Amino acid sequence: MLLGIVSDTHGYFHPELERALADVDLILHAGDVGSEEILDRLEQIAPTRAVYGNVDGLALQRRLPEVLELDAAGIKIVMMHIAGRPGRLDASARTEIERALPQMFICGHSHILQIERIREYGAMLFVNPGAAGKQGLHRHKTCVRIRIEDGRALQAEVVHLDEPNGQPPTSDG
């Protein structure tokens, strides 16, 4: 299974999202979607699950949960928008992790790309895909693709949406 993970679109559908997510089996959006149109466009690419974020209005809050727990190819995933980061998880994130004991935890909000194993929670994979939208202080628009096989996350790929080949910009660019 190939997961596509995106967050913090803030109502902006980056034109490269379609290419970056074209072959994924499932898209997960970690909040601050910004408009229902974003979800509808993602659904045209692949089945999409999402949580609402702090900028999402009532329509999205009615459509989406605050916390999502799902199984993807044998991996238990918990996703919420605001969570902090490894070593500084907020209380609600810790509560959800300790309750569900997921193998992967996905969040957004900070606009900071981060993929890291958290040993404290049994080597749980922490994923923040950064931000794919225009709003915020992030310099690069990103999403993440994660390959899951035999109940294990085997490979993570960061896609830089503003770069022609999806790769990170060079130090001189």
Protein backbone atom coordinates (compact mmCIF):
# COMPACT_ATOMS: atom_id res chain seq x y z
CA MET A 1 0.00 0.00 0.00
CA LEU A 2 1.17 3.50 -0.77
CA LEU A 3 -0.06 6.34 1.47
CA GLY A 4 -0.06 9.97 0.42
CA ILE A 5 0.07 12.35 3.39
CA VAL A 6 -0.64 16.07 3.15
CA SER A 7 -1.47 18.85 5.58
CA ASP A 8 -2.08 22.57 5.90
CA THR A 9 -3.40 23.23 2.41
CA HIS A 10 -5.39 26.19 3.77
CA GLY A 11 -7.75 26.10 0.78
CA TYR A 12 -4.97 25.94 -1.83
CA PHE A 13 -4.74 22.90 -4.10
CA HIS A 14 -1.14 22.86 -5.29
CA PRO A 15 -1.07 21.90 -8.99
CA GLU A 16 1.62 19.27 -8.32
CA LEU A 17 -0.49 17.40 -5.74
CA GLU A 18 -2.26 15.52 -8.50
CA ARG A 19 1.03 14.20 -9.90
CA ALA A 20 2.58 13.55 -6.48
CA LEU A 21 -0.42 11.53 -5.29
CA ALA A 22 -1.47 9.93 -8.60
CA ASP A 23 -0.44 6.39 -7.69
CA VAL A 24 -1.27 6.31 -3.97
CA ASP A 25 -3.87 3.94 -2.55
CA LEU A 26 -5.03 6.30 0.20
CA ILE A 27 -4.61 10.01 0.93
CA LEU A 28 -4.49 11.25 4.51
CA HIS A 29 -4.95 14.98 5.17
CA ALA A 30 -3.79 16.10 8.65
CA GLY A 31 -5.97 19.20 8.93
CA ASP A 32 -6.22 22.87 8.05
CA VAL A 33 -7.84 21.75 4.84
CA GLY A 34 -9.35 25.17 4.27
CA SER A 35 -12.28 24.20 2.03
CA GLU A 36 -14.42 21.24 1.10
CA GLU A 37 -13.23 21.66 -2.49
CA ILE A 38 -9.75 20.49 -1.45
CA LEU A 39 -11.17 17.23 -0.10
CA ASP A 40 -13.31 16.77 -3.20
CA ARG A 41 -10.29 17.21 -5.48
CA LEU A 42 -8.18 14.81 -3.39
CA GLU A 43 -11.03 12.26 -3.55
CA GLN A 44 -10.78 12.39 -7.36
CA ILE A 45 -7.18 11.16 -7.05
CA ALA A 46 -7.63 8.44 -4.39
CA PRO A 47 -9.80 7.61 -1.38
CA THR A 48 -9.19 10.35 1.16
CA ARG A 49 -9.48 10.51 4.94
CA ALA A 50 -8.91 13.73 6.87
CA VAL A 51 -9.20 15.49 10.21
CA TYR A 52 -10.17 19.10 10.73
CA GLY A 53 -7.67 21.69 11.88
CA ASN A 54 -7.85 24.93 13.80
CA VAL A 55 -8.58 27.07 10.71
CA ASP A 56 -11.31 24.80 9.33
CA GLY A 57 -14.83 26.20 9.56
CA LEU A 58 -18.07 24.56 10.63
CA ALA A 59 -18.70 22.80 7.32
CA LEU A 60 -15.41 20.91 7.57
CA GLN A 61 -15.82 20.33 11.30
CA ARG A 62 -19.18 18.67 10.59
CA ARG A 63 -17.68 16.56 7.80
CA LEU A 64 -14.43 15.53 9.51
CA PRO A 65 -13.39 14.17 12.91
CA GLU A 66 -10.89 15.89 15.18
CA VAL A 67 -9.01 12.60 15.66
CA LEU A 68 -8.96 9.73 13.19
CA GLU A 69 -7.90 6.18 13.97
CA LEU A 70 -7.58 3.72 11.09
CA ASP A 71 -5.82 0.60 9.92
CA ALA A 72 -3.85 0.82 6.68
CA ALA A 73 -2.36 -2.44 5.41
CA GLY A 74 -1.90 -3.76 8.94
CA ILE A 75 -0.58 -0.56 10.48
CA LYS A 76 -2.64 1.24 13.11
CA ILE A 77 -2.58 4.99 12.45
CA VAL A 78 -3.78 7.87 14.59
CA MET A 79 -4.06 11.29 12.98
CA MET A 80 -4.89 14.69 14.48
CA HIS A 81 -3.99 18.23 13.51
CA ILE A 82 -2.28 19.76 16.56
CA ALA A 83 0.12 17.50 18.43
CA GLY A 84 3.47 19.16 19.05
CA ARG A 85 6.59 17.23 18.12
CA PRO A 86 8.65 14.33 19.45
CA GLY A 87 9.96 15.22 22.89
CA ARG A 88 7.28 17.94 23.19
CA LEU A 89 3.98 16.26 22.38
CA ASP A 90 0.99 18.07 23.78
CA ALA A 91 -1.29 16.40 26.33
CA SER A 92 -4.05 15.50 23.86
CA ALA A 93 -1.58 13.83 21.50
CA ARG A 94 -0.01 11.84 24.34
CA THR A 95 -3.48 10.77 25.50
CA GLU A 96 -4.45 9.54 22.02
CA ILE A 97 -1.14 7.73 21.52
CA GLU A 98 -1.29 6.04 24.92
CA ARG A 99 -4.93 5.05 24.35
CA ALA A 100 -4.57 3.66 20.81
CA LEU A 101 -0.90 2.56 20.76
CA PRO A 102 -0.53 3.27 17.03
CA GLN A 103 2.44 2.28 14.91
CA MET A 104 2.16 5.59 13.04
CA PHE A 105 1.06 9.00 14.29
CA ILE A 106 0.31 11.77 11.78
CA CYS A 107 -0.18 15.45 12.52
CA GLY A 108 0.18 18.86 10.90
CA HIS A 109 -0.20 22.43 12.21
CA SER A 110 3.47 23.41 12.63
CA HIS A 111 4.20 23.49 8.86
CA ILE A 112 7.47 21.75 9.80
CA LEU A 113 8.27 18.58 7.88
CA GLN A 114 9.31 15.85 10.30
CA ILE A 115 9.49 12.06 10.04
CA GLU A 116 10.94 10.38 13.10
CA ARG A 117 10.70 7.21 15.16
CA ILE A 118 9.67 7.79 18.78
CA ARG A 119 11.27 5.06 20.91
CA GLU A 120 9.20 6.05 23.95
CA TYR A 121 6.15 4.69 22.12
CA GLY A 122 7.63 1.46 20.77
CA ALA A 123 9.40 3.04 17.79
CA MET A 124 6.12 4.60 16.58
CA LEU A 125 6.61 6.54 13.35
CA PHE A 126 5.82 10.24 13.82
CA VAL A 127 4.92 11.99 10.56
CA ASN A 128 4.29 15.67 9.95
CA PRO A 129 4.22 16.17 6.17
CA GLY A 130 4.93 19.89 6.41
CA ALA A 131 2.56 22.21 4.56
CA ALA A 132 1.24 22.07 1.01
CA GLY A 133 -0.51 25.44 1.08
CA LYS A 134 0.57 29.02 0.52
CA GLN A 135 -0.14 30.40 4.01
CA GLY A 136 2.45 30.16 6.77
CA LEU A 137 6.15 30.63 7.34
CA HIS A 138 7.29 27.44 5.57
CA ARG A 139 9.71 27.93 2.70
CA HIS A 140 8.92 24.70 0.85
CA LYS A 141 5.57 23.12 0.06
CA THR A 142 5.73 19.40 0.75
CA CYS A 143 3.77 16.18 1.02
CA VAL A 144 4.91 12.69 1.99
CA ARG A 145 4.47 9.26 0.45
CA ILE A 146 4.94 6.19 2.64
CA ARG A 147 5.09 2.60 1.38
CA ILE A 148 3.62 -0.03 3.68
CA GLU A 149 4.27 -3.75 3.20
CA ASP A 150 3.63 -6.68 5.51
CA GLY A 151 2.40 -4.41 8.29
CA ARG A 152 5.53 -2.23 8.24
CA ALA A 153 6.29 1.25 6.95
CA LEU A 154 9.24 0.54 4.70
CA GLN A 155 9.95 3.74 2.83
CA ALA A 156 9.12 7.41 3.22
CA GLU A 157 9.50 9.88 0.37
CA VAL A 158 9.23 13.64 0.73
CA VAL A 159 7.87 15.40 -2.35
CA HIS A 160 8.84 19.05 -2.77
CA LEU A 161 5.83 20.38 -4.65
CA ASP A 162 7.46 23.54 -6.02
CA GLU A 163 10.39 21.67 -7.57
CA PRO A 164 10.11 20.35 -11.13
CA ASN A 165 11.25 16.84 -10.21
CA GLY A 166 9.78 16.74 -6.71
CA GLN A 167 13.26 16.68 -5.18
CA PRO A 168 14.56 19.17 -2.61
CA PRO A 169 16.12 22.32 -4.04
CA THR A 170 19.89 22.40 -4.29
CA SER A 171 21.88 24.59 -1.89
CA ASP A 172 22.49 27.11 -4.69
CA GLY A 173 18.75 27.30 -5.58
